Amino acid sequence: MIFAVIGKDSGEGELRRRNRADHLAYVEGKQGLILYAGPLIEDGRMVGSLFLFDVPDRSALDAYMAGDPYFTPGIFGSVEIYETRKMVPEAEPGFLKAEAERARAQA
């Protein structure tokens, strides 16, 4: 299952900066679970993080977050979690065309 996790910093991001080295060390050993991760940037300043995880289920995501220093209480003022699925680029040729035909049939 793919999950998008959006963490928005609390305050000015001081806790993020203090925990960044530990977060990166933790992530280094868990890269196989992460499709994409990076900072959210606004006006040249980091204001949060975006993660795309590919994990077996929500409990596996929760286990990851329980160990990641960035998910220590107080670092993010808010965390949003959404299940998602990959659409583009196509995993198999013709996937988008078939999906469009299903959408037309359901409309």
C-alpha atoms as a PDB file:
ATOM      1  CA  MET A   1       0.000   0.000   0.000  1.00  0.00           C
ATOM      2  CA  ILE A   2       1.185   3.483  -0.780  1.00  0.00           C
ATOM      3  CA  PHE A   3       0.719   6.246   1.771  1.00  0.00           C
ATOM      4  CA  ALA A   4       1.360   9.957   1.415  1.00  0.00           C
ATOM      5  CA  VAL A   5       2.384  11.598   4.682  1.00  0.00           C
ATOM      6  CA  ILE A   6       2.553  15.372   4.977  1.00  0.00           C
ATOM      7  CA  GLY A   7       4.118  16.800   8.122  1.00  0.00           C
ATOM      8  CA  LYS A   8       3.976  20.563   8.632  1.00  0.00           C
ATOM      9  CA  ASP A   9       6.519  21.992  11.070  1.00  0.00           C
ATOM     10  CA  SER A  10       5.449  23.466  14.359  1.00  0.00           C
ATOM     11  CA  GLY A  11       6.847  26.892  15.100  1.00  0.00           C
ATOM     12  CA  GLU A  12       9.887  27.914  13.080  1.00  0.00           C
ATOM     13  CA  GLY A  13      11.210  24.381  12.613  1.00  0.00           C
ATOM     14  CA  GLU A  14      13.831  24.499  15.376  1.00  0.00           C
ATOM     15  CA  LEU A  15      12.915  20.976  16.571  1.00  0.00           C
ATOM     16  CA  ARG A  16      13.207  19.715  13.005  1.00  0.00           C
ATOM     17  CA  ARG A  17      16.735  21.106  12.713  1.00  0.00           C
ATOM     18  CA  ARG A  18      17.800  19.595  16.036  1.00  0.00           C
ATOM     19  CA  ASN A  19      16.485  16.148  15.057  1.00  0.00           C
ATOM     20  CA  ARG A  20      17.485  16.169  11.380  1.00  0.00           C
ATOM     21  CA  ALA A  21      20.736  14.174  11.765  1.00  0.00           C
ATOM     22  CA  ASP A  22      18.983  11.431  13.768  1.00  0.00           C
ATOM     23  CA  HIS A  23      16.100  11.409  11.266  1.00  0.00           C
ATOM     24  CA  LEU A  24      18.480  10.996   8.312  1.00  0.00           C
ATOM     25  CA  ALA A  25      20.378   8.208  10.083  1.00  0.00           C
ATOM     26  CA  TYR A  26      17.063   6.408  10.717  1.00  0.00           C
ATOM     27  CA  VAL A  27      15.907   6.867   7.114  1.00  0.00           C
ATOM     28  CA  GLU A  28      19.206   5.545   5.752  1.00  0.00           C
ATOM     29  CA  GLY A  29      18.320   2.058   6.979  1.00  0.00           C
ATOM     30  CA  LYS A  30      14.684   2.225   5.839  1.00  0.00           C
ATOM     31  CA  GLN A  31      15.026   3.482   2.265  1.00  0.00           C
ATOM     32  CA  GLY A  32      13.313   0.385   0.883  1.00  0.00           C
ATOM     33  CA  LEU A  33      10.021   1.576   2.393  1.00  0.00           C
ATOM     34  CA  ILE A  34      10.200   5.058   0.886  1.00  0.00           C
ATOM     35  CA  LEU A  35       9.276   5.876  -2.713  1.00  0.00           C
ATOM     36  CA  TYR A  36       9.996   9.570  -2.252  1.00  0.00           C
ATOM     37  CA  ALA A  37      10.723  11.913   0.614  1.00  0.00           C
ATOM     38  CA  GLY A  38      11.818  15.506   0.814  1.00  0.00           C
ATOM     39  CA  PRO A  39      11.229  18.872   2.406  1.00  0.00           C
ATOM     40  CA  LEU A  40       8.269  21.124   1.780  1.00  0.00           C
ATOM     41  CA  ILE A  41       9.715  24.505   0.874  1.00  0.00           C
ATOM     42  CA  GLU A  42       7.954  27.843   1.051  1.00  0.00           C
ATOM     43  CA  ASP A  43       9.742  31.082   0.187  1.00  0.00           C
ATOM     44  CA  GLY A  44      13.085  29.254   0.327  1.00  0.00           C
ATOM     45  CA  ARG A  45      12.497  27.919   3.854  1.00  0.00           C
ATOM     46  CA  MET A  46      11.736  24.328   4.916  1.00  0.00           C
ATOM     47  CA  VAL A  47       8.251  24.227   6.422  1.00  0.00           C
ATOM     48  CA  GLY A  48       7.605  20.495   6.584  1.00  0.00           C
ATOM     49  CA  SER A  49       8.146  17.132   4.921  1.00  0.00           C
ATOM     50  CA  LEU A  50       6.461  15.009   2.284  1.00  0.00           C
ATOM     51  CA  PHE A  51       6.864  11.232   2.323  1.00  0.00           C
ATOM     52  CA  LEU A  52       5.536   8.556  -0.015  1.00  0.00           C
ATOM     53  CA  PHE A  53       5.784   5.145   1.619  1.00  0.00           C
ATOM     54  CA  ASP A  54       5.250   1.718   0.057  1.00  0.00           C
ATOM     55  CA  VAL A  55       4.469  -0.554   3.003  1.00  0.00           C
ATOM     56  CA  PRO A  56       2.320  -3.675   3.481  1.00  0.00           C
ATOM     57  CA  ASP A  57      -0.350  -1.891   5.544  1.00  0.00           C
ATOM     58  CA  ARG A  58      -1.128   0.983   7.895  1.00  0.00           C
ATOM     59  CA  SER A  59       0.375  -0.814  10.886  1.00  0.00           C
ATOM     60  CA  ALA A  60       3.729  -1.002   9.067  1.00  0.00           C
ATOM     61  CA  LEU A  61       3.525   2.750   8.428  1.00  0.00           C
ATOM     62  CA  ASP A  62       2.729   3.370  12.086  1.00  0.00           C
ATOM     63  CA  ALA A  63       5.721   1.233  13.103  1.00  0.00           C
ATOM     64  CA  TYR A  64       8.006   3.244  10.823  1.00  0.00           C
ATOM     65  CA  MET A  65       6.745   6.555  12.199  1.00  0.00           C
ATOM     66  CA  ALA A  66       7.121   5.329  15.795  1.00  0.00           C
ATOM     67  CA  GLY A  67      10.880   4.984  15.208  1.00  0.00           C
ATOM     68  CA  ASP A  68      11.533   8.065  13.054  1.00  0.00           C
ATOM     69  CA  PRO A  69      12.735  11.023  15.154  1.00  0.00           C
ATOM     70  CA  TYR A  70      10.800  13.440  12.924  1.00  0.00           C
ATOM     71  CA  PHE A  71       7.568  11.958  14.242  1.00  0.00           C
ATOM     72  CA  THR A  72       8.510  12.722  17.833  1.00  0.00           C
ATOM     73  CA  PRO A  73       5.698  14.792  19.351  1.00  0.00           C
ATOM     74  CA  GLY A  74       6.170  18.502  18.822  1.00  0.00           C
ATOM     75  CA  ILE A  75       8.264  18.471  15.643  1.00  0.00           C
ATOM     76  CA  PHE A  76       5.300  18.563  13.281  1.00  0.00           C
ATOM     77  CA  GLY A  77       2.372  20.780  14.187  1.00  0.00           C
ATOM     78  CA  SER A  78       0.187  18.630  11.950  1.00  0.00           C
ATOM     79  CA  VAL A  79       0.514  15.303  10.170  1.00  0.00           C
ATOM     80  CA  GLU A  80      -1.836  14.230   7.383  1.00  0.00           C
ATOM     81  CA  ILE A  81      -1.874  10.642   6.132  1.00  0.00           C
ATOM     82  CA  TYR A  82      -3.579   9.492   2.955  1.00  0.00           C
ATOM     83  CA  GLU A  83      -3.660   6.137   1.220  1.00  0.00           C
ATOM     84  CA  THR A  84      -2.949   6.574  -2.486  1.00  0.00           C
ATOM     85  CA  ARG A  85      -2.091   4.560  -5.572  1.00  0.00           C
ATOM     86  CA  LYS A  86       0.319   5.134  -8.416  1.00  0.00           C
ATOM     87  CA  MET A  87      -1.290   6.238 -11.659  1.00  0.00           C
ATOM     88  CA  VAL A  88       1.460   8.068 -13.583  1.00  0.00           C
ATOM     89  CA  PRO A  89       3.775   7.060 -15.046  1.00  0.00           C
ATOM     90  CA  GLU A  90       1.905   3.942 -16.055  1.00  0.00           C
ATOM     91  CA  ALA A  91       3.118   0.719 -14.495  1.00  0.00           C
ATOM     92  CA  GLU A  92       1.870  -1.106 -17.602  1.00  0.00           C
ATOM     93  CA  PRO A  93       1.203   0.350 -21.058  1.00  0.00           C
ATOM     94  CA  GLY A  94      -2.520   0.931 -21.567  1.00  0.00           C
ATOM     95  CA  PHE A  95      -3.321   1.317 -17.862  1.00  0.00           C
ATOM     96  CA  LEU A  96      -4.417   4.954 -18.160  1.00  0.00           C
ATOM     97  CA  LYS A  97      -6.562   4.258 -21.227  1.00  0.00           C
ATOM     98  CA  ALA A  98      -8.337   1.396 -19.442  1.00  0.00           C
ATOM     99  CA  GLU A  99      -8.797   3.546 -16.338  1.00  0.00           C
ATOM    100  CA  ALA A 100     -10.297   6.352 -18.465  1.00  0.00           C
ATOM    101  CA  GLU A 101     -12.726   3.877 -20.066  1.00  0.00           C
ATOM    102  CA  ARG A 102     -13.815   2.644 -16.605  1.00  0.00           C
ATOM    103  CA  ALA A 103     -14.312   6.244 -15.471  1.00  0.00           C
ATOM    104  CA  ARG A 104     -16.460   7.014 -18.543  1.00  0.00           C
ATOM    105  CA  ALA A 105     -18.573   3.911 -17.915  1.00  0.00           C
ATOM    106  CA  GLN A 106     -19.147   4.944 -14.284  1.00  0.00           C
ATOM    107  CA  ALA A 107     -19.989   8.588 -15.083  1.00  0.00           C
END
